Amino acid sequence: DSDKNSTKRGNTEMFGNKDSYPVSKSLSFTKRADFSIYVTYKNVKLLVPGTKKLIATYHIKGVKDTKGFEKVAVKVTHDLNGIVTIDSATLLEKREVMEEVVVKKKVEKK
């Protein structure tokens, strides 16, 4: 993945060749601008000669540097036909929640 503010790219193996399908997984990214997700084969040596490593590129748009939104959750599905799709991309809002905690204290009998 990459965005306008960062050249950092990460690699994550989401689907292995021995996984059962269909399967959906979720990824979280810390982003403050639109970014792209590149879907590639991990091991080109296992492919038919001439097959390109890049399967698809998905552009996640509408990500803004908005106060309170810190992460983008992306749901990815690999179906029975081997097709990888982005099902959703959601901005996650960070909220602080105040919670009252009751502490039970054991009292000794005298």
PDB file of N, CA and C in Angstrom:
ATOM      1  N   ASP A   1       0.832  -1.185   0.000  1.00  0.00           N
ATOM      2  CA  ASP A   1       0.000   0.000   0.000  1.00  0.00           C
ATOM      3  C   ASP A   1       0.869   1.239   0.000  1.00  0.00           C
ATOM      4  N   SER A   2       0.342   2.326  -0.496  1.00  0.00           N
ATOM      5  CA  SER A   2       1.072   3.585  -0.473  1.00  0.00           C
ATOM      6  C   SER A   2       0.074   4.722  -0.485  1.00  0.00           C
ATOM      7  N   ASP A   3       0.511   5.872  -0.013  1.00  0.00           N
ATOM      8  CA  ASP A   3      -0.355   7.038  -0.090  1.00  0.00           C
ATOM      9  C   ASP A   3       0.479   8.253  -0.413  1.00  0.00           C
ATOM     10  N   LYS A   4      -0.178   9.407  -0.521  1.00  0.00           N
ATOM     11  CA  LYS A   4       0.505  10.628  -0.926  1.00  0.00           C
ATOM     12  C   LYS A   4       1.490  11.122   0.121  1.00  0.00           C
ATOM     13  N   ASN A   5       1.235  10.785   1.396  1.00  0.00           N
ATOM     14  CA  ASN A   5       2.071  11.295   2.480  1.00  0.00           C
ATOM     15  C   ASN A   5       3.177  10.341   2.900  1.00  0.00           C
ATOM     16  N   SER A   6       3.213   9.157   2.318  1.00  0.00           N
ATOM     17  CA  SER A   6       4.180   8.167   2.785  1.00  0.00           C
ATOM     18  C   SER A   6       4.619   7.282   1.631  1.00  0.00           C
ATOM     19  N   THR A   7       5.887   6.920   1.654  1.00  0.00           N
ATOM     20  CA  THR A   7       6.381   5.986   0.653  1.00  0.00           C
ATOM     21  C   THR A   7       6.515   4.584   1.248  1.00  0.00           C
ATOM     22  N   LYS A   8       6.103   4.441   2.507  1.00  0.00           N
ATOM     23  CA  LYS A   8       6.199   3.156   3.185  1.00  0.00           C
ATOM     24  C   LYS A   8       5.217   2.161   2.550  1.00  0.00           C
ATOM     25  N   ARG A   9       5.729   0.994   2.228  1.00  0.00           N
ATOM     26  CA  ARG A   9       4.897  -0.065   1.664  1.00  0.00           C
ATOM     27  C   ARG A   9       5.060  -1.302   2.520  1.00  0.00           C
ATOM     28  N   GLY A  10       3.953  -1.970   2.744  1.00  0.00           N
ATOM     29  CA  GLY A  10       3.991  -3.193   3.529  1.00  0.00           C
ATOM     30  C   GLY A  10       3.527  -4.366   2.691  1.00  0.00           C
ATOM     31  N   ASN A  11       3.977  -5.526   3.058  1.00  0.00           N
ATOM     32  CA  ASN A  11       3.554  -6.749   2.387  1.00  0.00           C
ATOM     33  C   ASN A  11       2.925  -7.670   3.415  1.00  0.00           C
ATOM     34  N   THR A  12       1.739  -8.151   3.102  1.00  0.00           N
ATOM     35  CA  THR A  12       1.037  -9.062   3.980  1.00  0.00           C
ATOM     36  C   THR A  12       0.478 -10.199   3.149  1.00  0.00           C
ATOM     37  N   GLU A  13       0.811 -11.430   3.528  1.00  0.00           N
ATOM     38  CA  GLU A  13       0.216 -12.570   2.837  1.00  0.00           C
ATOM     39  C   GLU A  13      -1.160 -12.794   3.434  1.00  0.00           C
ATOM     40  N   MET A  14      -2.184 -12.637   2.614  1.00  0.00           N
ATOM     41  CA  MET A  14      -3.553 -12.772   3.100  1.00  0.00           C
ATOM     42  C   MET A  14      -4.146 -14.134   2.783  1.00  0.00           C
ATOM     43  N   PHE A  15      -3.794 -14.694   1.638  1.00  0.00           N
ATOM     44  CA  PHE A  15      -4.385 -15.953   1.207  1.00  0.00           C
ATOM     45  C   PHE A  15      -3.272 -16.888   0.739  1.00  0.00           C
ATOM     46  N   GLY A  16      -3.188 -18.044   1.355  1.00  0.00           N
ATOM     47  CA  GLY A  16      -2.178 -19.024   0.976  1.00  0.00           C
ATOM     48  C   GLY A  16      -2.729 -20.014  -0.039  1.00  0.00           C
ATOM     49  N   ASN A  17      -1.845 -20.715  -0.724  1.00  0.00           N
ATOM     50  CA  ASN A  17      -2.294 -21.641  -1.758  1.00  0.00           C
ATOM     51  C   ASN A  17      -2.966 -22.887  -1.186  1.00  0.00           C
ATOM     52  N   LYS A  18      -2.877 -23.106   0.115  1.00  0.00           N
ATOM     53  CA  LYS A  18      -3.533 -24.267   0.727  1.00  0.00           C
ATOM     54  C   LYS A  18      -4.705 -23.868   1.618  1.00  0.00           C
ATOM     55  N   ASP A  19      -5.102 -22.604   1.573  1.00  0.00           N
ATOM     56  CA  ASP A  19      -6.245 -22.135   2.353  1.00  0.00           C
ATOM     57  C   ASP A  19      -7.536 -22.681   1.755  1.00  0.00           C
ATOM     58  N   SER A  20      -8.587 -22.754   2.576  1.00  0.00           N
ATOM     59  CA  SER A  20      -9.900 -23.131   2.056  1.00  0.00           C
ATOM     60  C   SER A  20     -10.622 -21.854   1.610  1.00  0.00           C
ATOM     61  N   TYR A  21     -11.437 -21.981   0.583  1.00  0.00           N
ATOM     62  CA  TYR A  21     -12.102 -20.827  -0.009  1.00  0.00           C
ATOM     63  C   TYR A  21     -13.584 -21.096  -0.138  1.00  0.00           C
ATOM     64  N   PRO A  22     -14.448 -20.099  -0.137  1.00  0.00           N
ATOM     65  CA  PRO A  22     -14.161 -18.669  -0.092  1.00  0.00           C
ATOM     66  C   PRO A  22     -13.758 -18.242   1.320  1.00  0.00           C
ATOM     67  N   VAL A  23     -13.044 -17.127   1.405  1.00  0.00           N
ATOM     68  CA  VAL A  23     -12.600 -16.605   2.687  1.00  0.00           C
ATOM     69  C   VAL A  23     -12.555 -15.072   2.621  1.00  0.00           C
ATOM     70  N   SER A  24     -12.927 -14.437   3.730  1.00  0.00           N
ATOM     71  CA  SER A  24     -12.842 -12.984   3.844  1.00  0.00           C
ATOM     72  C   SER A  24     -11.927 -12.647   5.004  1.00  0.00           C
ATOM     73  N   LYS A  25     -11.150 -11.595   4.833  1.00  0.00           N
ATOM     74  CA  LYS A  25     -10.246 -11.138   5.891  1.00  0.00           C
ATOM     75  C   LYS A  25     -10.322  -9.627   5.963  1.00  0.00           C
ATOM     76  N   SER A  26      -9.914  -9.099   7.098  1.00  0.00           N
ATOM     77  CA  SER A  26      -9.941  -7.662   7.303  1.00  0.00           C
ATOM     78  C   SER A  26      -8.546  -7.149   7.629  1.00  0.00           C
ATOM     79  N   LEU A  27      -8.203  -6.025   7.051  1.00  0.00           N
ATOM     80  CA  LEU A  27      -6.922  -5.360   7.300  1.00  0.00           C
ATOM     81  C   LEU A  27      -7.183  -3.962   7.824  1.00  0.00           C
ATOM     82  N   SER A  28      -6.295  -3.451   8.653  1.00  0.00           N
ATOM     83  CA  SER A  28      -6.384  -2.068   9.129  1.00  0.00           C
ATOM     84  C   SER A  28      -5.146  -1.312   8.700  1.00  0.00           C
ATOM     85  N   PHE A  29      -5.354  -0.120   8.201  1.00  0.00           N
ATOM     86  CA  PHE A  29      -4.263   0.745   7.763  1.00  0.00           C
ATOM     87  C   PHE A  29      -4.365   2.080   8.485  1.00  0.00           C
ATOM     88  N   THR A  30      -3.224   2.630   8.867  1.00  0.00           N
ATOM     89  CA  THR A  30      -3.194   3.984   9.390  1.00  0.00           C
ATOM     90  C   THR A  30      -2.900   4.888   8.212  1.00  0.00           C
ATOM     91  N   LYS A  31      -3.916   5.578   7.757  1.00  0.00           N
ATOM     92  CA  LYS A  31      -3.790   6.423   6.563  1.00  0.00           C
ATOM     93  C   LYS A  31      -4.464   7.750   6.796  1.00  0.00           C
ATOM     94  N   ARG A  32      -3.950   8.770   6.150  1.00  0.00           N
ATOM     95  CA  ARG A  32      -4.522  10.107   6.247  1.00  0.00           C
ATOM     96  C   ARG A  32      -4.825  10.682   4.866  1.00  0.00           C
ATOM     97  N   ALA A  33      -4.727   9.833   3.848  1.00  0.00           N
ATOM     98  CA  ALA A  33      -5.000  10.255   2.468  1.00  0.00           C
ATOM     99  C   ALA A  33      -5.377   9.005   1.671  1.00  0.00           C
ATOM    100  N   ASP A  34      -5.889   9.218   0.472  1.00  0.00           N
ATOM    101  CA  ASP A  34      -6.225   8.106  -0.410  1.00  0.00           C
ATOM    102  C   ASP A  34      -4.991   7.217  -0.593  1.00  0.00           C
ATOM    103  N   PHE A  35      -5.210   5.927  -0.817  1.00  0.00           N
ATOM    104  CA  PHE A  35      -4.092   5.004  -1.001  1.00  0.00           C
ATOM    105  C   PHE A  35      -4.502   3.870  -1.925  1.00  0.00           C
ATOM    106  N   SER A  36      -3.535   3.059  -2.305  1.00  0.00           N
ATOM    107  CA  SER A  36      -3.779   1.938  -3.206  1.00  0.00           C
ATOM    108  C   SER A  36      -3.356   0.635  -2.543  1.00  0.00           C
ATOM    109  N   ILE A  37      -4.067  -0.431  -2.907  1.00  0.00           N
ATOM    110  CA  ILE A  37      -3.722  -1.777  -2.456  1.00  0.00           C
ATOM    111  C   ILE A  37      -3.389  -2.578  -3.706  1.00  0.00           C
ATOM    112  N   TYR A  38      -2.217  -3.206  -3.692  1.00  0.00           N
ATOM    113  CA  TYR A  38      -1.754  -4.002  -4.824  1.00  0.00           C
ATOM    114  C   TYR A  38      -1.880  -5.476  -4.464  1.00  0.00           C
ATOM    115  N   VAL A  39      -2.630  -6.226  -5.253  1.00  0.00           N
ATOM    116  CA  VAL A  39      -2.807  -7.657  -5.036  1.00  0.00           C
ATOM    117  C   VAL A  39      -1.846  -8.374  -5.980  1.00  0.00           C
ATOM    118  N   THR A  40      -0.940  -9.178  -5.394  1.00  0.00           N
ATOM    119  CA  THR A  40       0.069  -9.864  -6.200  1.00  0.00           C
ATOM    120  C   THR A  40       0.186 -11.323  -5.775  1.00  0.00           C
ATOM    121  N   TYR A  41       0.753 -12.112  -6.653  1.00  0.00           N
ATOM    122  CA  TYR A  41       1.125 -13.472  -6.285  1.00  0.00           C
ATOM    123  C   TYR A  41       2.394 -13.393  -5.459  1.00  0.00           C
ATOM    124  N   LYS A  42       2.513 -14.251  -4.462  1.00  0.00           N
ATOM    125  CA  LYS A  42       3.697 -14.228  -3.604  1.00  0.00           C
ATOM    126  C   LYS A  42       4.885 -14.897  -4.290  1.00  0.00           C
ATOM    127  N   ASN A  43       4.666 -16.072  -4.870  1.00  0.00           N
ATOM    128  CA  ASN A  43       5.761 -16.841  -5.435  1.00  0.00           C
ATOM    129  C   ASN A  43       5.559 -17.019  -6.934  1.00  0.00           C
ATOM    130  N   VAL A  44       6.233 -16.203  -7.725  1.00  0.00           N
ATOM    131  CA  VAL A  44       6.091 -16.229  -9.186  1.00  0.00           C
ATOM    132  C   VAL A  44       6.590 -17.548  -9.771  1.00  0.00           C
ATOM    133  N   LYS A  45       7.469 -18.234  -9.060  1.00  0.00           N
ATOM    134  CA  LYS A  45       8.021 -19.506  -9.550  1.00  0.00           C
ATOM    135  C   LYS A  45       6.945 -20.583  -9.687  1.00  0.00           C
ATOM    136  N   LEU A  46       5.839 -20.443  -8.945  1.00  0.00           N
ATOM    137  CA  LEU A  46       4.758 -21.421  -9.005  1.00  0.00           C
ATOM    138  C   LEU A  46       3.770 -21.140 -10.140  1.00  0.00           C
ATOM    139  N   LEU A  47       3.937 -20.011 -10.819  1.00  0.00           N
ATOM    140  CA  LEU A  47       3.005 -19.605 -11.871  1.00  0.00           C
ATOM    141  C   LEU A  47       3.423 -20.144 -13.233  1.00  0.00           C
ATOM    142  N   VAL A  48       2.465 -20.186 -14.125  1.00  0.00           N
ATOM    143  CA  VAL A  48       2.744 -20.540 -15.514  1.00  0.00           C
ATOM    144  C   VAL A  48       3.672 -19.473 -16.080  1.00  0.00           C
ATOM    145  N   PRO A  49       4.739 -19.837 -16.786  1.00  0.00           N
ATOM    146  CA  PRO A  49       5.658 -18.839 -17.339  1.00  0.00           C
ATOM    147  C   PRO A  49       4.906 -17.768 -18.139  1.00  0.00           C
ATOM    148  N   GLY A  50       5.285 -16.523 -17.898  1.00  0.00           N
ATOM    149  CA  GLY A  50       4.654 -15.395 -18.576  1.00  0.00           C
ATOM    150  C   GLY A  50       3.533 -14.747 -17.774  1.00  0.00           C
ATOM    151  N   THR A  51       3.115 -15.392 -16.669  1.00  0.00           N
ATOM    152  CA  THR A  51       2.061 -14.827 -15.831  1.00  0.00           C
ATOM    153  C   THR A  51       2.636 -13.651 -15.041  1.00  0.00           C
ATOM    154  N   LYS A  52       1.922 -12.541 -15.051  1.00  0.00           N
ATOM    155  CA  LYS A  52       2.383 -11.364 -14.313  1.00  0.00           C
ATOM    156  C   LYS A  52       2.144 -11.539 -12.817  1.00  0.00           C
ATOM    157  N   LYS A  53       3.027 -10.965 -12.020  1.00  0.00           N
ATOM    158  CA  LYS A  53       2.918 -11.043 -10.569  1.00  0.00           C
ATOM    159  C   LYS A  53       1.732 -10.223 -10.058  1.00  0.00           C
ATOM    160  N   LEU A  54       1.489  -9.058 -10.671  1.00  0.00           N
ATOM    161  CA  LEU A  54       0.404  -8.178 -10.245  1.00  0.00           C
ATOM    162  C   LEU A  54      -0.936  -8.725 -10.714  1.00  0.00           C
ATOM    163  N   ILE A  55      -1.853  -8.937  -9.766  1.00  0.00           N
ATOM    164  CA  ILE A  55      -3.198  -9.422 -10.085  1.00  0.00           C
ATOM    165  C   ILE A  55      -4.137  -8.240 -10.292  1.00  0.00           C
ATOM    166  N   ALA A  56      -4.117  -7.309  -9.341  1.00  0.00           N
ATOM    167  CA  ALA A  56      -5.036  -6.166  -9.410  1.00  0.00           C
ATOM    168  C   ALA A  56      -4.523  -5.035  -8.537  1.00  0.00           C
ATOM    169  N   THR A  57      -5.011  -3.844  -8.822  1.00  0.00           N
ATOM    170  CA  THR A  57      -4.737  -2.669  -8.000  1.00  0.00           C
ATOM    171  C   THR A  57      -6.076  -2.059  -7.614  1.00  0.00           C
ATOM    172  N   TYR A  58      -6.263  -1.828  -6.335  1.00  0.00           N
ATOM    173  CA  TYR A  58      -7.485  -1.195  -5.837  1.00  0.00           C
ATOM    174  C   TYR A  58      -7.116   0.154  -5.238  1.00  0.00           C
ATOM    175  N   HIS A  59      -7.855   1.182  -5.616  1.00  0.00           N
ATOM    176  CA  HIS A  59      -7.617   2.528  -5.108  1.00  0.00           C
ATOM    177  C   HIS A  59      -8.688   2.840  -4.068  1.00  0.00           C
ATOM    178  N   ILE A  60      -8.258   3.104  -2.851  1.00  0.00           N
ATOM    179  CA  ILE A  60      -9.165   3.445  -1.760  1.00  0.00           C
ATOM    180  C   ILE A  60      -9.213   4.970  -1.705  1.00  0.00           C
ATOM    181  N   LYS A  61     -10.392   5.533  -2.008  1.00  0.00           N
ATOM    182  CA  LYS A  61     -10.528   6.993  -2.101  1.00  0.00           C
ATOM    183  C   LYS A  61     -11.488   7.514  -1.044  1.00  0.00           C
ATOM    184  N   GLY A  62     -11.376   8.790  -0.767  1.00  0.00           N
ATOM    185  CA  GLY A  62     -12.239   9.429   0.206  1.00  0.00           C
ATOM    186  C   GLY A  62     -11.642   9.468   1.603  1.00  0.00           C
ATOM    187  N   VAL A  63     -10.376   9.072   1.726  1.00  0.00           N
ATOM    188  CA  VAL A  63      -9.689   9.095   3.018  1.00  0.00           C
ATOM    189  C   VAL A  63      -9.124  10.496   3.203  1.00  0.00           C
ATOM    190  N   LYS A  64      -9.535  11.144   4.281  1.00  0.00           N
ATOM    191  CA  LYS A  64      -9.072  12.505   4.540  1.00  0.00           C
ATOM    192  C   LYS A  64      -8.410  12.561   5.910  1.00  0.00           C
ATOM    193  N   ASP A  65      -7.527  13.510   6.058  1.00  0.00           N
ATOM    194  CA  ASP A  65      -6.859  13.715   7.341  1.00  0.00           C
ATOM    195  C   ASP A  65      -7.846  14.436   8.254  1.00  0.00           C
ATOM    196  N   THR A  66      -8.787  13.675   8.791  1.00  0.00           N
ATOM    197  CA  THR A  66      -9.850  14.218   9.615  1.00  0.00           C
ATOM    198  C   THR A  66      -9.592  13.875  11.067  1.00  0.00           C
ATOM    199  N   LYS A  67      -9.736  14.858  11.934  1.00  0.00           N
ATOM    200  CA  LYS A  67      -9.511  14.627  13.356  1.00  0.00           C
ATOM    201  C   LYS A  67     -10.473  13.552  13.855  1.00  0.00           C
ATOM    202  N   GLY A  68      -9.948  12.581  14.570  1.00  0.00           N
ATOM    203  CA  GLY A  68     -10.763  11.518  15.137  1.00  0.00           C
ATOM    204  C   GLY A  68     -10.723  10.232  14.325  1.00  0.00           C
ATOM    205  N   PHE A  69     -10.449  10.336  13.028  1.00  0.00           N
ATOM    206  CA  PHE A  69     -10.374   9.134  12.209  1.00  0.00           C
ATOM    207  C   PHE A  69      -8.910   8.758  12.054  1.00  0.00           C
ATOM    208  N   GLU A  70      -8.558   7.575  12.537  1.00  0.00           N
ATOM    209  CA  GLU A  70      -7.155   7.196  12.557  1.00  0.00           C
ATOM    210  C   GLU A  70      -6.822   5.996  11.689  1.00  0.00           C
ATOM    211  N   LYS A  71      -7.800   5.153  11.423  1.00  0.00           N
ATOM    212  CA  LYS A  71      -7.513   3.931  10.667  1.00  0.00           C
ATOM    213  C   LYS A  71      -8.571   3.705   9.597  1.00  0.00           C
ATOM    214  N   VAL A  72      -8.164   2.928   8.603  1.00  0.00           N
ATOM    215  CA  VAL A  72      -9.081   2.501   7.558  1.00  0.00           C
ATOM    216  C   VAL A  72      -9.118   0.978   7.614  1.00  0.00           C
ATOM    217  N   ALA A  73     -10.308   0.404   7.814  1.00  0.00           N
ATOM    218  CA  ALA A  73     -10.482  -1.049   7.821  1.00  0.00           C
ATOM    219  C   ALA A  73     -10.948  -1.466   6.431  1.00  0.00           C
ATOM    220  N   VAL A  74     -10.243  -2.430   5.847  1.00  0.00           N
ATOM    221  CA  VAL A  74     -10.558  -2.902   4.500  1.00  0.00           C
ATOM    222  C   VAL A  74     -10.894  -4.390   4.578  1.00  0.00           C
ATOM    223  N   LYS A  75     -12.077  -4.764   4.065  1.00  0.00           N
ATOM    224  CA  LYS A  75     -12.486  -6.172   4.031  1.00  0.00           C
ATOM    225  C   LYS A  75     -12.206  -6.712   2.636  1.00  0.00           C
ATOM    226  N   VAL A  76     -11.435  -7.813   2.586  1.00  0.00           N
ATOM    227  CA  VAL A  76     -10.996  -8.415   1.326  1.00  0.00           C
ATOM    228  C   VAL A  76     -11.536  -9.845   1.263  1.00  0.00           C
ATOM    229  N   THR A  77     -12.058 -10.241   0.087  1.00  0.00           N
ATOM    230  CA  THR A  77     -12.580 -11.599  -0.096  1.00  0.00           C
ATOM    231  C   THR A  77     -11.882 -12.285  -1.261  1.00  0.00           C
ATOM    232  N   HIS A  78     -11.584 -13.556  -1.059  1.00  0.00           N
ATOM    233  CA  HIS A  78     -11.032 -14.417  -2.114  1.00  0.00           C
ATOM    234  C   HIS A  78     -12.086 -15.492  -2.345  1.00  0.00           C
ATOM    235  N   ASP A  79     -12.695 -15.510  -3.535  1.00  0.00           N
ATOM    236  CA  ASP A  79     -13.805 -16.431  -3.764  1.00  0.00           C
ATOM    237  C   ASP A  79     -13.348 -17.768  -4.338  1.00  0.00           C
ATOM    238  N   LEU A  80     -14.319 -18.653  -4.579  1.00  0.00           N
ATOM    239  CA  LEU A  80     -14.027 -20.000  -5.083  1.00  0.00           C
ATOM    240  C   LEU A  80     -13.353 -19.993  -6.447  1.00  0.00           C
ATOM    241  N   ASN A  81     -13.563 -18.924  -7.232  1.00  0.00           N
ATOM    242  CA  ASN A  81     -12.978 -18.819  -8.568  1.00  0.00           C
ATOM    243  C   ASN A  81     -11.594 -18.181  -8.560  1.00  0.00           C
ATOM    244  N   GLY A  82     -11.101 -17.832  -7.359  1.00  0.00           N
ATOM    245  CA  GLY A  82      -9.781 -17.226  -7.254  1.00  0.00           C
ATOM    246  C   GLY A  82      -9.786 -15.720  -7.417  1.00  0.00           C
ATOM    247  N   ILE A  83     -10.975 -15.120  -7.428  1.00  0.00           N
ATOM    248  CA  ILE A  83     -11.075 -13.671  -7.612  1.00  0.00           C
ATOM    249  C   ILE A  83     -10.983 -12.977  -6.262  1.00  0.00           C
ATOM    250  N   VAL A  84     -10.108 -11.974  -6.182  1.00  0.00           N
ATOM    251  CA  VAL A  84      -9.922 -11.187  -4.968  1.00  0.00           C
ATOM    252  C   VAL A  84     -10.660  -9.875  -5.144  1.00  0.00           C
ATOM    253  N   THR A  85     -11.541  -9.549  -4.186  1.00  0.00           N
ATOM    254  CA  THR A  85     -12.292  -8.300  -4.246  1.00  0.00           C
ATOM    255  C   THR A  85     -12.172  -7.537  -2.937  1.00  0.00           C
ATOM    256  N   ILE A  86     -12.299  -6.236  -3.043  1.00  0.00           N
ATOM    257  CA  ILE A  86     -12.394  -5.382  -1.865  1.00  0.00           C
ATOM    258  C   ILE A  86     -13.886  -5.200  -1.622  1.00  0.00           C
ATOM    259  N   ASP A  87     -14.387  -5.731  -0.508  1.00  0.00           N
ATOM    260  CA  ASP A  87     -15.809  -5.634  -0.207  1.00  0.00           C
ATOM    261  C   ASP A  87     -16.181  -4.292   0.411  1.00  0.00           C
ATOM    262  N   SER A  88     -15.294  -3.762   1.241  1.00  0.00           N
ATOM    263  CA  SER A  88     -15.586  -2.481   1.883  1.00  0.00           C
ATOM    264  C   SER A  88     -14.306  -1.855   2.406  1.00  0.00           C
ATOM    265  N   ALA A  89     -14.377  -0.547   2.553  1.00  0.00           N
ATOM    266  CA  ALA A  89     -13.304   0.225   3.199  1.00  0.00           C
ATOM    267  C   ALA A  89     -14.008   1.221   4.112  1.00  0.00           C
ATOM    268  N   THR A  90     -13.680   1.175   5.398  1.00  0.00           N
ATOM    269  CA  THR A  90     -14.384   1.967   6.395  1.00  0.00           C
ATOM    270  C   THR A  90     -13.404   2.779   7.223  1.00  0.00           C
ATOM    271  N   LEU A  91     -13.708   4.064   7.404  1.00  0.00           N
ATOM    272  CA  LEU A  91     -12.913   4.903   8.302  1.00  0.00           C
ATOM    273  C   LEU A  91     -13.286   4.541   9.730  1.00  0.00           C
ATOM    274  N   LEU A  92     -12.296   4.291  10.566  1.00  0.00           N
ATOM    275  CA  LEU A  92     -12.545   3.959  11.966  1.00  0.00           C
ATOM    276  C   LEU A  92     -12.272   5.175  12.825  1.00  0.00           C
ATOM    277  N   GLU A  93     -13.231   5.509  13.634  1.00  0.00           N
ATOM    278  CA  GLU A  93     -13.115   6.676  14.497  1.00  0.00           C
ATOM    279  C   GLU A  93     -12.643   6.257  15.879  1.00  0.00           C
ATOM    280  N   LYS A  94     -11.685   6.994  16.398  1.00  0.00           N
ATOM    281  CA  LYS A  94     -11.169   6.707  17.736  1.00  0.00           C
ATOM    282  C   LYS A  94     -11.962   7.547  18.732  1.00  0.00           C
ATOM    283  N   ARG A  95     -12.542   6.878  19.721  1.00  0.00           N
ATOM    284  CA  ARG A  95     -13.315   7.572  20.750  1.00  0.00           C
ATOM    285  C   ARG A  95     -12.840   7.132  22.120  1.00  0.00           C
ATOM    286  N   GLU A  96     -12.790   8.084  23.006  1.00  0.00           N
ATOM    287  CA  GLU A  96     -12.485   7.749  24.388  1.00  0.00           C
ATOM    288  C   GLU A  96     -13.802   7.570  25.114  1.00  0.00           C
ATOM    289  N   VAL A  97     -13.920   6.465  25.836  1.00  0.00           N
ATOM    290  CA  VAL A  97     -15.135   6.172  26.564  1.00  0.00           C
ATOM    291  C   VAL A  97     -14.804   6.149  28.043  1.00  0.00           C
ATOM    292  N   MET A  98     -15.583   6.911  28.801  1.00  0.00           N
ATOM    293  CA  MET A  98     -15.382   6.913  30.249  1.00  0.00           C
ATOM    294  C   MET A  98     -16.307   5.859  30.828  1.00  0.00           C
ATOM    295  N   GLU A  99     -15.738   5.033  31.684  1.00  0.00           N
ATOM    296  CA  GLU A  99     -16.495   3.928  32.247  1.00  0.00           C
ATOM    297  C   GLU A  99     -16.252   3.883  33.739  1.00  0.00           C
ATOM    298  N   GLU A 100     -17.344   3.706  34.485  1.00  0.00           N
ATOM    299  CA  GLU A 100     -17.212   3.595  35.932  1.00  0.00           C
ATOM    300  C   GLU A 100     -16.897   2.146  36.277  1.00  0.00           C
ATOM    301  N   VAL A 101     -15.868   1.960  37.079  1.00  0.00           N
ATOM    302  CA  VAL A 101     -15.440   0.614  37.457  1.00  0.00           C
ATOM    303  C   VAL A 101     -15.695   0.419  38.951  1.00  0.00           C
ATOM    304  N   VAL A 102     -16.382  -0.659  39.266  1.00  0.00           N
ATOM    305  CA  VAL A 102     -16.649  -0.994  40.665  1.00  0.00           C
ATOM    306  C   VAL A 102     -15.597  -2.002  41.108  1.00  0.00           C
ATOM    307  N   VAL A 103     -14.902  -1.651  42.195  1.00  0.00           N
ATOM    308  CA  VAL A 103     -13.868  -2.535  42.722  1.00  0.00           C
ATOM    309  C   VAL A 103     -14.400  -3.213  43.968  1.00  0.00           C
ATOM    310  N   LYS A 104     -14.407  -4.533  43.915  1.00  0.00           N
ATOM    311  CA  LYS A 104     -14.854  -5.296  45.079  1.00  0.00           C
ATOM    312  C   LYS A 104     -13.645  -5.599  45.936  1.00  0.00           C
ATOM    313  N   LYS A 105     -13.810  -5.323  47.233  1.00  0.00           N
ATOM    314  CA  LYS A 105     -12.710  -5.547  48.160  1.00  0.00           C
ATOM    315  C   LYS A 105     -13.156  -6.574  49.186  1.00  0.00           C
ATOM    316  N   LYS A 106     -12.326  -7.546  49.395  1.00  0.00           N
ATOM    317  CA  LYS A 106     -12.631  -8.588  50.374  1.00  0.00           C
ATOM    318  C   LYS A 106     -12.351  -8.059  51.766  1.00  0.00           C
ATOM    319  N   VAL A 107     -13.346  -8.183  52.637  1.00  0.00           N
ATOM    320  CA  VAL A 107     -13.204  -7.687  54.002  1.00  0.00           C
ATOM    321  C   VAL A 107     -13.054  -8.896  54.929  1.00  0.00           C
ATOM    322  N   GLU A 108     -12.046  -8.820  55.787  1.00  0.00           N
ATOM    323  CA  GLU A 108     -11.828  -9.910  56.736  1.00  0.00           C
ATOM    324  C   GLU A 108     -12.766  -9.763  57.915  1.00  0.00           C
ATOM    325  N   LYS A 109     -13.330 -10.902  58.366  1.00  0.00           N
ATOM    326  CA  LYS A 109     -14.186 -10.903  59.555  1.00  0.00           C
ATOM    327  C   LYS A 109     -13.309 -11.058  60.775  1.00  0.00           C
ATOM    328  N   LYS A 110     -13.638 -10.300  61.833  1.00  0.00           N
ATOM    329  CA  LYS A 110     -12.850 -10.357  63.068  1.00  0.00           C
ATOM    330  C   LYS A 110     -13.636 -10.996  64.159  1.00  0.00           C
TER     331      LYS A 110
END
